[in-house]
Amino acid sequence: MACHAMKAFLVILRTILDRIIDFAFSLVWEGQKAFRIPDLDKKHGFLAESATSLAAKIKKGQLKSEDLVQAVIERIKAVNPVINAIADERYTAALEEARDVDRRVAAGLSAEDLAKPFLGVPFTTKESQTVAGLRNTLGLWSRREVRATQDSEAVRRLRAAGAFPVAATNLPELLLWQETRNNVYGQTNNPHHAGRTAGGSSGAEAALTASYATPISLCSDLGGSTRMPAFYCGMFGHHPTANTTNLKGILRREGEEESMFALGFISKHVEDLAPLQKVIAGPKAPLLKLDRHVDVKDIKFFYLESSDDCHVSSIRPELRSAMTRVVSKLSSSVPTSNAPEPYSHPGFSHMYQLWNYWMTKEPETFAQMFTDWQGEAKWCTELAKKLFCMSNHCLSAVVRLAETQVMPTADPQWAEQISKELKEDLFTKLGTNGVLLFPSAPHAAPYHYSAFLRPYNFAYWAMVNALKCPATQVPLGVNSEGLPIGIQVLAAPYNDALCLSVAKYLEEQFGGAVMACKAN
């Protein structure tokens, strides 16, 4: 009884503290809400369409690839002054590639071109994904002049599918932070509210997508880096089953390392996610069974309203309400035998600890990355440099370095045992036709820099990485402040199609992506 009382007291105290943090940071950042991105004009109205639709129109000669690329470039230039998403660009080269596509369309497409699912459609990607000729700084000041000499494997596969890169986008220093900010390119803003974060590490990708400024957004996710920005910006985001995407061309990876890290996409439309994921999964695409047609009525649903992880803030009422609306809708739409049932497991009380433990199994160490693989940084030295304004690193990178070298990680035997038990229990229940409706975060997009006072609130996303299972971030409208909210849909490994089928159903029922401006 005393234990429960103490826990309840701490929850109340944490909730009060969260409100104080929000109020304090609002005094600094709320005025930024006045900086709005321009609405999409009728001339460029096709930018609201899916990438698959745009590719189909290009193949039929109903839309020129050059006109699409020019529209994307103009749109980027219109919105970037507010969101600051672009790190580098290849506009001239992309336009020439688009003209080449148009020439082939005019001459009659070959069977090979017709088979390319995204022929003539431009894409953007974080500059951590190497694109030949574009900057590849990873947000490190010491790499500010570094340019990639070749495409990453994912970029190569997208090119083979007919798409081509138009720009590289901003990212947090070394990818590992909840905000997109570094000392090379500065800070990316949320298009719904410039005083709030777009998330990290794919925040710039989500900001562009929510602004109608990119048809295809290639992302990566080690602790929520695809799904967090998708949530904060009101988009769909898919994180695939682990070890099904080739990572060559990112962080010196060779491509086939065992990892929680996976490549996915952020999109305005669910229909783009499966075909895009198939492209970058390459020979491993059949493992994901993305062509599987699943009727939502045949899916068994479970849900978790919140975890008891003391590292994480309490779920706000608006997020609980979003989950309740989904559960209620499904309860009235699927057979009683498949109606949503609550699910819990002790492992969800340790989300951050488990993710942090499994981070120690990743092939690179943060201390190596910090120095651009020129030795290992020491947290005390780097903190001293930061305190005396002698550091070219962001505070977030210094804090992460200190955390990896000072804070203890979980006991390996405990972490591996509870991870094993959670996977066995959850994936047995889900099987090949079940999904878990899972919270995305405790609150909607926070104010810039406030993550330093709530550093573990990304744990609902990170836990998915630790489980190495697929998950799709699904938008569900906005809260009372006009900020996007939503939930995640999880499935057992290699059942990505289930996540996307549920996402498609929820898109139809709840209005889909929450755009940051109007399409006239």
Protein backbone atom coordinates (compact mmCIF):
# COMPACT_ATOMS: atom_id res chain seq x y z
CA MET A 1 0.00 0.00 0.00
CA ALA A 2 2.79 2.43 0.93
CA CYS A 3 4.59 1.59 -2.29
CA HIS A 4 1.50 2.35 -4.40
CA ALA A 5 0.94 5.60 -2.51
CA MET A 6 4.52 6.69 -3.11
CA LYS A 7 4.25 5.82 -6.77
CA ALA A 8 1.03 7.81 -7.12
CA PHE A 9 2.68 10.77 -5.41
CA LEU A 10 5.66 10.64 -7.77
CA VAL A 11 3.35 10.50 -10.79
CA ILE A 12 1.51 13.61 -9.58
CA LEU A 13 4.81 15.36 -8.88
CA ARG A 14 6.12 14.47 -12.33
CA THR A 15 2.93 15.74 -13.96
CA ILE A 16 3.21 19.06 -12.14
CA LEU A 17 6.86 19.34 -13.14
CA ASP A 18 5.95 18.68 -16.78
CA ARG A 19 3.41 21.49 -16.69
CA ILE A 20 5.97 23.86 -15.19
CA ILE A 21 8.47 22.94 -17.92
CA ASP A 22 5.86 23.56 -20.62
CA PHE A 23 4.94 26.93 -19.16
CA ALA A 24 8.55 28.08 -18.78
CA PHE A 25 9.53 27.13 -22.31
CA SER A 26 6.36 28.63 -23.74
CA LEU A 27 7.56 32.05 -22.55
CA VAL A 28 10.51 31.68 -24.90
CA TRP A 29 9.05 29.82 -27.86
CA GLU A 30 5.31 30.39 -28.12
CA GLY A 31 5.81 33.53 -30.19
CA GLN A 32 7.42 31.42 -32.93
CA LYS A 33 3.99 30.00 -33.72
CA ALA A 34 3.37 33.14 -35.79
CA PHE A 35 5.91 31.98 -38.38
CA ARG A 36 3.75 29.92 -40.69
CA ILE A 37 4.61 28.10 -43.87
CA PRO A 38 2.73 29.22 -46.99
CA ASP A 39 -0.25 27.25 -48.27
CA LEU A 40 0.19 25.01 -51.30
CA ASP A 41 -1.05 26.83 -54.41
CA LYS A 42 -3.25 25.26 -57.10
CA LYS A 43 -0.40 25.27 -59.62
CA HIS A 44 1.45 22.74 -57.49
CA GLY A 45 -1.60 20.90 -56.21
CA PHE A 46 -0.27 17.55 -57.44
CA LEU A 47 2.30 17.67 -54.61
CA ALA A 48 -0.53 16.54 -52.33
CA GLU A 49 -0.71 13.20 -54.19
CA SER A 50 1.05 9.98 -53.28
CA ALA A 51 4.38 9.06 -54.84
CA THR A 52 2.82 5.99 -56.46
CA SER A 53 0.15 8.19 -58.07
CA LEU A 54 2.75 10.67 -59.32
CA ALA A 55 4.84 7.87 -60.86
CA ALA A 56 1.76 6.46 -62.60
CA LYS A 57 0.96 9.88 -64.11
CA ILE A 58 4.53 10.32 -65.30
CA LYS A 59 4.50 6.93 -67.05
CA LYS A 60 1.20 7.79 -68.77
CA GLY A 61 2.49 11.18 -69.89
CA GLN A 62 -0.07 13.00 -67.74
CA LEU A 63 2.64 14.73 -65.70
CA LYS A 64 6.17 15.63 -66.65
CA SER A 65 8.89 14.57 -64.26
CA GLU A 66 10.58 17.94 -64.86
CA ASP A 67 7.43 19.78 -63.76
CA LEU A 68 7.27 17.63 -60.62
CA VAL A 69 10.90 18.25 -59.74
CA GLN A 70 10.60 21.97 -60.42
CA ALA A 71 7.52 22.11 -58.19
CA VAL A 72 9.37 20.30 -55.40
CA ILE A 73 12.29 22.71 -55.68
CA GLU A 74 10.01 25.75 -55.61
CA ARG A 75 8.09 24.34 -52.66
CA ILE A 76 11.28 23.62 -50.73
CA LYS A 77 12.45 27.18 -51.31
CA ALA A 78 9.09 28.49 -50.10
CA VAL A 79 8.96 26.53 -46.83
CA ASN A 80 12.63 26.19 -45.90
CA PRO A 81 13.00 29.72 -44.47
CA VAL A 82 10.55 28.65 -41.73
CA ILE A 83 11.52 25.03 -41.09
CA ASN A 84 15.25 25.02 -42.02
CA ALA A 85 15.28 21.47 -43.33
CA ILE A 86 17.77 21.48 -46.22
CA ALA A 87 21.42 20.56 -45.69
CA ASP A 88 22.50 20.30 -49.33
CA GLU A 89 20.86 20.09 -52.74
CA ARG A 90 21.34 18.81 -56.26
CA TYR A 91 18.55 20.72 -57.98
CA THR A 92 20.30 21.10 -61.35
CA ALA A 93 21.24 17.42 -61.54
CA ALA A 94 17.74 16.33 -60.49
CA LEU A 95 16.14 18.49 -63.18
CA GLU A 96 18.41 16.95 -65.80
CA GLU A 97 17.52 13.45 -64.62
CA ALA A 98 13.86 14.41 -64.79
CA ARG A 99 14.25 15.65 -68.38
CA ASP A 100 15.85 12.35 -69.29
CA VAL A 101 12.82 10.51 -67.90
CA ASP A 102 10.50 12.76 -69.91
CA ARG A 103 12.48 12.04 -73.08
CA ARG A 104 12.10 8.32 -72.49
CA VAL A 105 8.38 8.69 -71.86
CA ALA A 106 7.98 10.65 -75.12
CA ALA A 107 9.90 7.98 -77.03
CA GLY A 108 7.91 5.14 -75.51
CA LEU A 109 8.95 3.50 -72.26
CA SER A 110 10.78 0.20 -72.28
CA ALA A 111 9.52 -2.74 -70.26
CA GLU A 112 12.35 -2.08 -67.83
CA ASP A 113 11.23 1.52 -67.23
CA LEU A 114 7.59 0.54 -66.93
CA ALA A 115 8.56 -1.88 -64.16
CA LYS A 116 10.17 0.87 -62.10
CA PRO A 117 7.61 1.74 -59.38
CA PHE A 118 8.79 5.32 -58.78
CA LEU A 119 9.95 6.41 -62.23
CA GLY A 120 10.58 10.15 -62.36
CA VAL A 121 9.76 10.88 -58.71
CA PRO A 122 12.32 12.85 -56.66
CA PHE A 123 13.15 12.02 -53.05
CA THR A 124 14.94 13.54 -50.07
CA THR A 125 16.93 11.84 -47.33
CA LYS A 126 18.94 12.74 -44.24
CA GLU A 127 22.47 13.69 -45.15
CA SER A 128 23.72 10.76 -43.03
CA GLN A 129 22.61 8.63 -45.99
CA THR A 130 25.40 9.09 -48.52
CA VAL A 131 24.43 10.64 -51.84
CA ALA A 132 27.33 11.03 -54.26
CA GLY A 133 28.47 14.65 -54.37
CA LEU A 134 26.39 15.87 -51.42
CA ARG A 135 27.62 16.77 -47.96
CA ASN A 136 27.94 13.98 -45.41
CA THR A 137 28.79 15.77 -42.17
CA LEU A 138 26.65 13.72 -39.74
CA GLY A 139 26.17 17.11 -38.09
CA LEU A 140 29.83 17.20 -36.97
CA TRP A 141 31.60 20.52 -37.34
CA SER A 142 34.84 18.65 -38.01
CA ARG A 143 33.20 17.04 -41.09
CA ARG A 144 31.62 20.23 -42.44
CA GLU A 145 33.57 19.98 -45.73
CA VAL A 146 33.12 16.23 -46.22
CA ARG A 147 31.18 15.11 -49.28
CA ALA A 148 30.06 11.61 -50.18
CA THR A 149 31.83 9.90 -53.05
CA GLN A 150 29.16 7.29 -53.70
CA ASP A 151 25.51 6.52 -53.02
CA SER A 152 24.42 4.42 -50.07
CA GLU A 153 22.87 1.07 -50.90
CA ALA A 154 19.36 2.42 -50.11
CA VAL A 155 19.86 5.41 -52.42
CA ARG A 156 21.16 3.07 -55.12
CA ARG A 157 18.05 0.89 -54.80
CA LEU A 158 15.74 3.90 -54.98
CA ARG A 159 17.54 5.05 -58.11
CA ALA A 160 17.09 1.58 -59.60
CA ALA A 161 13.37 1.96 -58.89
CA GLY A 162 13.29 5.13 -61.00
CA ALA A 163 13.49 7.75 -58.24
CA PHE A 164 16.37 10.21 -57.80
CA PRO A 165 17.57 12.45 -54.96
CA VAL A 166 16.82 16.15 -55.01
CA ALA A 167 18.23 17.19 -51.62
CA ALA A 168 19.85 16.00 -48.39
CA THR A 169 18.30 17.14 -45.14
CA ASN A 170 19.23 18.26 -41.65
CA LEU A 171 19.81 15.92 -38.71
CA PRO A 172 20.90 15.95 -35.06
CA GLU A 173 24.62 15.70 -34.45
CA LEU A 174 25.51 12.00 -34.87
CA LEU A 175 21.78 11.20 -35.23
CA LEU A 176 21.18 10.46 -31.55
CA TRP A 177 18.94 13.18 -30.20
CA GLN A 178 15.24 14.02 -30.05
CA GLU A 179 15.68 17.31 -31.90
CA THR A 180 17.12 18.05 -35.32
CA ARG A 181 19.89 20.49 -34.54
CA ASN A 182 23.66 20.76 -35.06
CA ASN A 183 26.37 23.39 -35.36
CA VAL A 184 26.71 22.96 -39.12
CA TYR A 185 23.14 23.59 -40.29
CA GLY A 186 21.33 24.89 -37.22
CA GLN A 187 17.88 23.90 -35.97
CA THR A 188 14.91 22.46 -37.85
CA ASN A 189 11.47 23.68 -36.77
CA ASN A 190 8.14 21.91 -36.63
CA PRO A 191 6.00 23.17 -39.54
CA HIS A 192 2.89 23.18 -37.33
CA HIS A 193 4.58 25.44 -34.76
CA ALA A 194 8.07 26.84 -35.38
CA GLY A 195 8.72 27.07 -31.63
CA ARG A 196 8.45 23.30 -31.24
CA THR A 197 10.65 20.43 -32.30
CA ALA A 198 10.10 18.40 -35.44
CA GLY A 199 11.76 15.50 -33.63
CA GLY A 200 14.91 13.60 -34.47
CA SER A 201 16.74 12.31 -36.17
CA SER A 202 14.51 12.53 -39.27
CA GLY A 203 12.90 15.78 -38.19
CA ALA A 204 13.77 17.63 -41.39
CA GLU A 205 12.24 14.84 -43.47
CA ALA A 206 9.00 14.95 -41.50
CA ALA A 207 8.89 18.75 -41.66
CA LEU A 208 9.27 18.71 -45.45
CA THR A 209 6.67 15.97 -45.88
CA ALA A 210 4.14 17.82 -43.72
CA SER A 211 4.77 20.92 -45.85
CA TYR A 212 4.08 19.23 -49.23
CA ALA A 213 7.77 19.64 -50.07
CA THR A 214 8.90 16.07 -50.77
CA PRO A 215 7.05 13.12 -52.35
CA ILE A 216 9.41 10.47 -50.90
CA SER A 217 11.23 10.70 -47.58
CA LEU A 218 13.92 8.10 -46.87
CA CYS A 219 14.64 7.81 -43.14
CA SER A 220 16.48 5.67 -40.60
CA ASP A 221 15.52 4.62 -37.10
CA LEU A 222 17.65 3.42 -34.17
CA GLY A 223 15.53 4.77 -31.32
CA GLY A 224 12.43 6.19 -32.97
CA SER A 225 14.11 8.40 -35.57
CA THR A 226 11.47 7.70 -38.22
CA ARG A 227 8.38 7.43 -36.03
CA MET A 228 9.10 10.28 -33.60
CA PRO A 229 9.25 13.00 -36.31
CA ALA A 230 6.28 11.42 -38.07
CA PHE A 231 4.29 11.73 -34.82
CA TYR A 232 5.38 15.28 -34.04
CA CYS A 233 4.63 16.45 -37.58
CA GLY A 234 1.40 14.48 -38.17
CA MET A 235 2.67 12.00 -40.76
CA PHE A 236 2.75 8.25 -41.23
CA GLY A 237 6.06 6.56 -40.57
CA HIS A 238 7.03 2.92 -40.95
CA HIS A 239 9.87 1.17 -39.14
CA PRO A 240 10.39 -2.31 -40.59
CA THR A 241 11.39 -5.59 -39.00
CA ALA A 242 15.05 -5.38 -38.00
CA ASN A 243 17.81 -6.65 -40.28
CA THR A 244 15.76 -6.43 -43.49
CA THR A 245 17.30 -3.20 -44.85
CA ASN A 246 20.88 -2.79 -46.02
CA LEU A 247 22.72 -0.11 -44.00
CA LYS A 248 25.75 0.33 -46.25
CA GLY A 249 26.52 4.01 -46.58
CA ILE A 250 25.46 5.07 -43.08
CA LEU A 251 27.88 5.55 -40.15
CA ARG A 252 30.57 3.48 -41.88
CA ARG A 253 28.34 0.43 -41.87
CA GLU A 254 29.08 -2.35 -44.33
CA GLY A 255 25.40 -3.18 -44.69
CA GLU A 256 24.64 -6.50 -43.05
CA GLU A 257 25.49 -5.87 -39.38
CA GLU A 258 23.13 -7.29 -36.76
CA SER A 259 21.36 -4.19 -35.47
CA MET A 260 18.27 -2.43 -34.13
CA PHE A 261 18.93 0.18 -36.84
CA ALA A 262 16.59 0.00 -39.83
CA LEU A 263 15.62 2.14 -42.81
CA GLY A 264 12.04 3.24 -43.36
CA PHE A 265 9.94 6.07 -44.72
CA ILE A 266 7.78 8.99 -43.64
CA SER A 267 4.79 9.68 -45.86
CA LYS A 268 1.52 11.58 -46.22
CA HIS A 269 -0.07 8.41 -47.62
CA VAL A 270 -0.05 4.86 -46.28
CA GLU A 271 -0.24 3.48 -49.81
CA ASP A 272 3.37 4.57 -50.47
CA LEU A 273 4.92 2.79 -47.50
CA ALA A 274 4.76 -0.85 -48.64
CA PRO A 275 6.10 -0.32 -52.19
CA LEU A 276 8.87 1.96 -50.89
CA GLN A 277 9.83 -0.52 -48.20
CA LYS A 278 9.96 -3.30 -50.80
CA VAL A 279 12.40 -1.26 -52.87
CA ILE A 280 14.98 -0.74 -50.12
CA ALA A 281 14.51 -4.20 -48.62
CA GLY A 282 15.68 -5.56 -51.97
CA PRO A 283 16.24 -9.33 -51.86
CA LYS A 284 14.88 -9.45 -48.31
CA ALA A 285 11.53 -7.92 -49.29
CA PRO A 286 9.73 -11.30 -49.41
CA LEU A 287 10.48 -11.75 -45.70
CA LEU A 288 8.21 -8.78 -44.93
CA LYS A 289 5.23 -10.22 -46.83
CA LEU A 290 4.26 -6.71 -47.92
CA ASP A 291 2.01 -7.97 -50.71
CA ARG A 292 -0.16 -9.80 -48.20
CA HIS A 293 -3.74 -8.54 -48.26
CA VAL A 294 -5.18 -8.36 -44.76
CA ASP A 295 -8.75 -7.48 -43.88
CA VAL A 296 -8.79 -5.51 -40.63
CA LYS A 297 -11.68 -7.70 -39.44
CA ASP A 298 -9.35 -10.70 -39.47
CA ILE A 299 -6.77 -9.03 -37.24
CA LYS A 300 -6.66 -9.66 -33.50
CA PHE A 301 -6.11 -6.44 -31.53
CA PHE A 302 -4.36 -5.77 -28.24
CA TYR A 303 -3.59 -2.40 -26.70
CA LEU A 304 -1.41 -0.85 -24.02
CA GLU A 305 -2.55 2.49 -22.62
CA SER A 306 0.67 3.41 -20.82
CA SER A 307 3.78 1.91 -19.28
CA ASP A 308 5.04 2.14 -15.72
CA ASP A 309 8.51 3.22 -16.80
CA CYS A 310 9.55 5.78 -14.20
CA HIS A 311 11.97 7.38 -16.68
CA VAL A 312 9.06 8.55 -18.81
CA SER A 313 6.41 11.24 -18.26
CA SER A 314 2.79 10.22 -17.79
CA ILE A 315 0.66 9.94 -20.91
CA ARG A 316 -1.32 13.16 -21.39
CA PRO A 317 -5.14 12.91 -21.48
CA GLU A 318 -5.22 13.87 -25.18
CA LEU A 319 -3.06 10.84 -26.05
CA ARG A 320 -5.13 8.54 -23.84
CA SER A 321 -8.21 9.86 -25.60
CA ALA A 322 -6.70 9.08 -29.00
CA MET A 323 -6.09 5.48 -27.95
CA THR A 324 -9.61 5.24 -26.54
CA ARG A 325 -11.12 6.47 -29.81
CA VAL A 326 -9.24 3.84 -31.79
CA VAL A 327 -10.14 1.05 -29.38
CA SER A 328 -13.78 2.10 -29.44
CA LYS A 329 -13.88 2.28 -33.23
CA LEU A 330 -12.30 -1.14 -33.62
CA SER A 331 -14.55 -2.67 -30.96
CA SER A 332 -17.55 -1.75 -33.06
CA SER A 333 -15.97 -2.73 -36.38
CA VAL A 334 -14.33 -6.12 -35.90
CA PRO A 335 -15.75 -9.44 -34.66
CA THR A 336 -16.03 -9.77 -30.90
CA SER A 337 -13.34 -12.44 -30.92
CA ASN A 338 -10.85 -9.93 -32.36
CA ALA A 339 -11.97 -6.87 -30.36
CA PRO A 340 -9.12 -5.01 -28.64
CA GLU A 341 -7.93 -6.51 -25.36
CA PRO A 342 -5.57 -4.81 -22.89
CA TYR A 343 -2.03 -6.14 -22.78
CA SER A 344 0.75 -5.62 -20.28
CA HIS A 345 4.12 -7.09 -19.43
CA PRO A 346 6.74 -6.10 -16.81
CA GLY A 347 9.22 -5.46 -19.60
CA PHE A 348 7.33 -2.31 -20.57
CA SER A 349 8.20 -0.84 -17.17
CA HIS A 350 11.84 -0.74 -18.25
CA MET A 351 11.64 0.57 -21.82
CA TYR A 352 14.51 3.02 -21.66
CA GLN A 353 16.81 0.69 -19.72
CA LEU A 354 16.29 -2.13 -22.18
CA TRP A 355 16.88 0.05 -25.24
CA ASN A 356 19.98 1.54 -23.62
CA TYR A 357 21.33 -1.93 -22.90
CA TRP A 358 20.81 -3.13 -26.47
CA MET A 359 22.53 0.04 -27.72
CA THR A 360 25.73 -1.41 -26.27
CA LYS A 361 25.45 -4.21 -28.84
CA GLU A 362 25.54 -1.84 -31.81
CA PRO A 363 28.76 -2.00 -33.87
CA GLU A 364 29.94 1.57 -33.23
CA THR A 365 30.45 3.43 -29.96
CA PHE A 366 29.36 7.01 -29.45
CA ALA A 367 32.82 7.95 -28.18
CA GLN A 368 34.30 6.88 -31.52
CA MET A 369 31.65 8.65 -33.55
CA PHE A 370 32.17 11.81 -31.49
CA THR A 371 35.74 12.12 -32.81
CA ASP A 372 34.80 11.07 -36.35
CA TRP A 373 36.45 7.73 -35.62
CA GLN A 374 39.76 9.44 -34.77
CA GLY A 375 40.07 7.91 -31.30
CA GLU A 376 37.66 7.96 -28.35
CA ALA A 377 36.35 11.12 -26.70
CA LYS A 378 36.25 11.49 -22.91
CA TRP A 379 33.13 13.01 -21.43
CA CYS A 380 34.91 15.08 -18.76
CA THR A 381 37.20 16.71 -21.32
CA GLU A 382 34.36 17.46 -23.71
CA LEU A 383 32.13 18.82 -20.95
CA ALA A 384 34.90 21.15 -19.80
CA LYS A 385 35.35 22.40 -23.35
CA LYS A 386 31.62 23.02 -23.62
CA LEU A 387 31.48 24.93 -20.33
CA PHE A 388 34.29 27.23 -21.48
CA CYS A 389 32.82 27.72 -25.00
CA MET A 390 35.71 25.81 -26.58
CA SER A 391 33.63 23.01 -28.12
CA ASN A 392 32.24 22.66 -31.62
CA HIS A 393 29.80 19.98 -30.47
CA CYS A 394 26.16 20.45 -29.49
CA LEU A 395 25.23 20.06 -25.84
CA SER A 396 23.05 17.09 -26.76
CA ALA A 397 26.09 15.20 -28.10
CA VAL A 398 28.15 15.99 -25.00
CA VAL A 399 25.28 14.85 -22.77
CA ARG A 400 24.92 11.59 -24.71
CA LEU A 401 28.68 11.01 -24.47
CA ALA A 402 28.57 11.53 -20.70
CA GLU A 403 25.61 9.19 -20.40
CA THR A 404 27.38 6.38 -22.24
CA GLN A 405 30.51 6.72 -20.11
CA VAL A 406 29.14 7.56 -16.67
CA MET A 407 25.66 6.14 -16.29
CA PRO A 408 25.52 2.40 -15.56
CA THR A 409 23.79 0.13 -18.06
CA ALA A 410 21.39 -2.60 -17.03
CA ASP A 411 22.70 -5.93 -15.78
CA PRO A 412 23.21 -8.01 -18.94
CA GLN A 413 21.66 -11.18 -17.55
CA TRP A 414 18.56 -9.30 -16.37
CA ALA A 415 18.20 -7.25 -19.56
CA GLU A 416 18.52 -10.23 -21.88
CA GLN A 417 16.21 -12.40 -19.81
CA ILE A 418 13.39 -9.86 -19.53
CA SER A 419 13.76 -8.98 -23.24
CA LYS A 420 13.47 -12.67 -24.10
CA GLU A 421 10.42 -13.13 -21.88
CA LEU A 422 8.69 -10.06 -23.30
CA LYS A 423 9.33 -11.09 -26.90
CA GLU A 424 8.12 -14.62 -26.30
CA ASP A 425 4.95 -13.51 -24.54
CA LEU A 426 4.06 -10.63 -26.87
CA PHE A 427 4.91 -12.28 -30.17
CA THR A 428 3.18 -15.51 -29.18
CA LYS A 429 0.00 -13.54 -28.48
CA LEU A 430 0.26 -11.55 -31.70
CA GLY A 431 1.20 -14.48 -33.91
CA THR A 432 0.76 -13.82 -37.62
CA ASN A 433 -2.59 -12.02 -37.37
CA GLY A 434 -2.34 -9.79 -34.29
CA VAL A 435 -1.21 -6.22 -33.59
CA LEU A 436 -0.53 -4.19 -30.48
CA LEU A 437 -1.82 -0.61 -30.36
CA PHE A 438 0.95 1.20 -28.51
CA PRO A 439 1.43 4.80 -27.30
CA SER A 440 3.75 7.02 -29.28
CA ALA A 441 4.83 9.45 -26.58
CA PRO A 442 3.62 11.11 -23.39
CA HIS A 443 2.79 14.38 -25.18
CA ALA A 444 2.64 16.12 -28.54
CA ALA A 445 5.61 18.01 -30.02
CA PRO A 446 7.47 19.75 -27.16
CA TYR A 447 9.12 23.15 -27.24
CA HIS A 448 12.70 23.40 -28.47
CA TYR A 449 15.33 22.37 -25.89
CA SER A 450 12.77 21.10 -23.36
CA ALA A 451 13.90 17.53 -24.13
CA PHE A 452 16.95 18.17 -21.94
CA LEU A 453 14.61 18.12 -18.95
CA ARG A 454 12.68 15.06 -20.21
CA PRO A 455 15.42 13.10 -21.97
CA TYR A 456 13.80 9.67 -21.85
CA ASN A 457 10.36 10.44 -23.26
CA PHE A 458 11.32 8.82 -26.56
CA ALA A 459 11.24 5.40 -24.86
CA TYR A 460 7.89 4.30 -26.37
CA TRP A 461 9.53 4.49 -29.79
CA ALA A 462 12.87 3.10 -28.64
CA MET A 463 11.23 0.02 -27.13
CA VAL A 464 10.17 -1.05 -30.62
CA ASN A 465 13.80 -1.00 -31.70
CA ALA A 466 14.75 -3.15 -28.71
CA LEU A 467 12.05 -5.63 -29.72
CA LYS A 468 13.30 -5.59 -33.33
CA CYS A 469 9.71 -5.71 -34.56
CA PRO A 470 7.87 -3.61 -37.16
CA ALA A 471 5.80 -0.58 -36.20
CA THR A 472 3.86 2.08 -38.05
CA GLN A 473 3.26 5.54 -36.63
CA VAL A 474 -0.33 6.63 -37.33
CA PRO A 475 -1.63 10.23 -37.03
CA LEU A 476 -5.02 10.72 -35.34
CA GLY A 477 -5.83 14.40 -35.65
CA VAL A 478 -4.70 17.19 -33.34
CA ASN A 479 -4.92 18.17 -29.69
CA SER A 480 -6.46 21.35 -28.26
CA GLU A 481 -3.32 23.30 -29.25
CA GLY A 482 -3.52 22.16 -32.87
CA LEU A 483 -0.55 19.81 -32.55
CA PRO A 484 -0.64 16.35 -34.16
CA ILE A 485 -1.25 13.28 -32.02
CA GLY A 486 -1.37 9.56 -32.80
CA ILE A 487 -0.42 6.01 -31.84
CA GLN A 488 1.89 3.23 -33.01
CA VAL A 489 0.80 -0.12 -34.43
CA LEU A 490 3.18 -3.01 -33.64
CA ALA A 491 3.28 -6.56 -35.00
CA ALA A 492 5.48 -9.59 -34.56
CA PRO A 493 8.63 -9.66 -36.72
CA TYR A 494 8.05 -10.07 -40.48
CA ASN A 495 4.40 -9.08 -40.18
CA ASP A 496 4.88 -5.53 -41.46
CA ALA A 497 1.79 -5.93 -43.66
CA LEU A 498 -0.40 -6.09 -40.56
CA CYS A 499 0.88 -2.74 -39.31
CA LEU A 500 0.29 -1.12 -42.68
CA SER A 501 -3.18 -2.64 -43.09
CA VAL A 502 -4.26 -1.22 -39.74
CA ALA A 503 -2.64 2.11 -40.60
CA LYS A 504 -4.62 2.21 -43.84
CA TYR A 505 -7.86 1.49 -41.99
CA LEU A 506 -7.15 4.21 -39.43
CA GLU A 507 -6.21 6.62 -42.22
CA GLU A 508 -9.67 6.13 -43.69
CA GLN A 509 -11.45 6.39 -40.36
CA PHE A 510 -9.59 9.29 -38.74
CA GLY A 511 -8.61 11.57 -41.62
CA GLY A 512 -5.03 10.58 -42.28
CA ALA A 513 -2.01 12.88 -42.31
CA VAL A 514 -2.20 16.22 -40.54
CA MET A 515 -0.74 18.72 -42.97
CA ALA A 516 0.85 21.91 -41.69
CA CYS A 517 -0.89 24.12 -44.25
CA LYS A 518 -3.78 24.15 -46.68
CA ALA A 519 -3.69 22.84 -50.24
CA ASN A 520 -5.61 25.39 -52.28
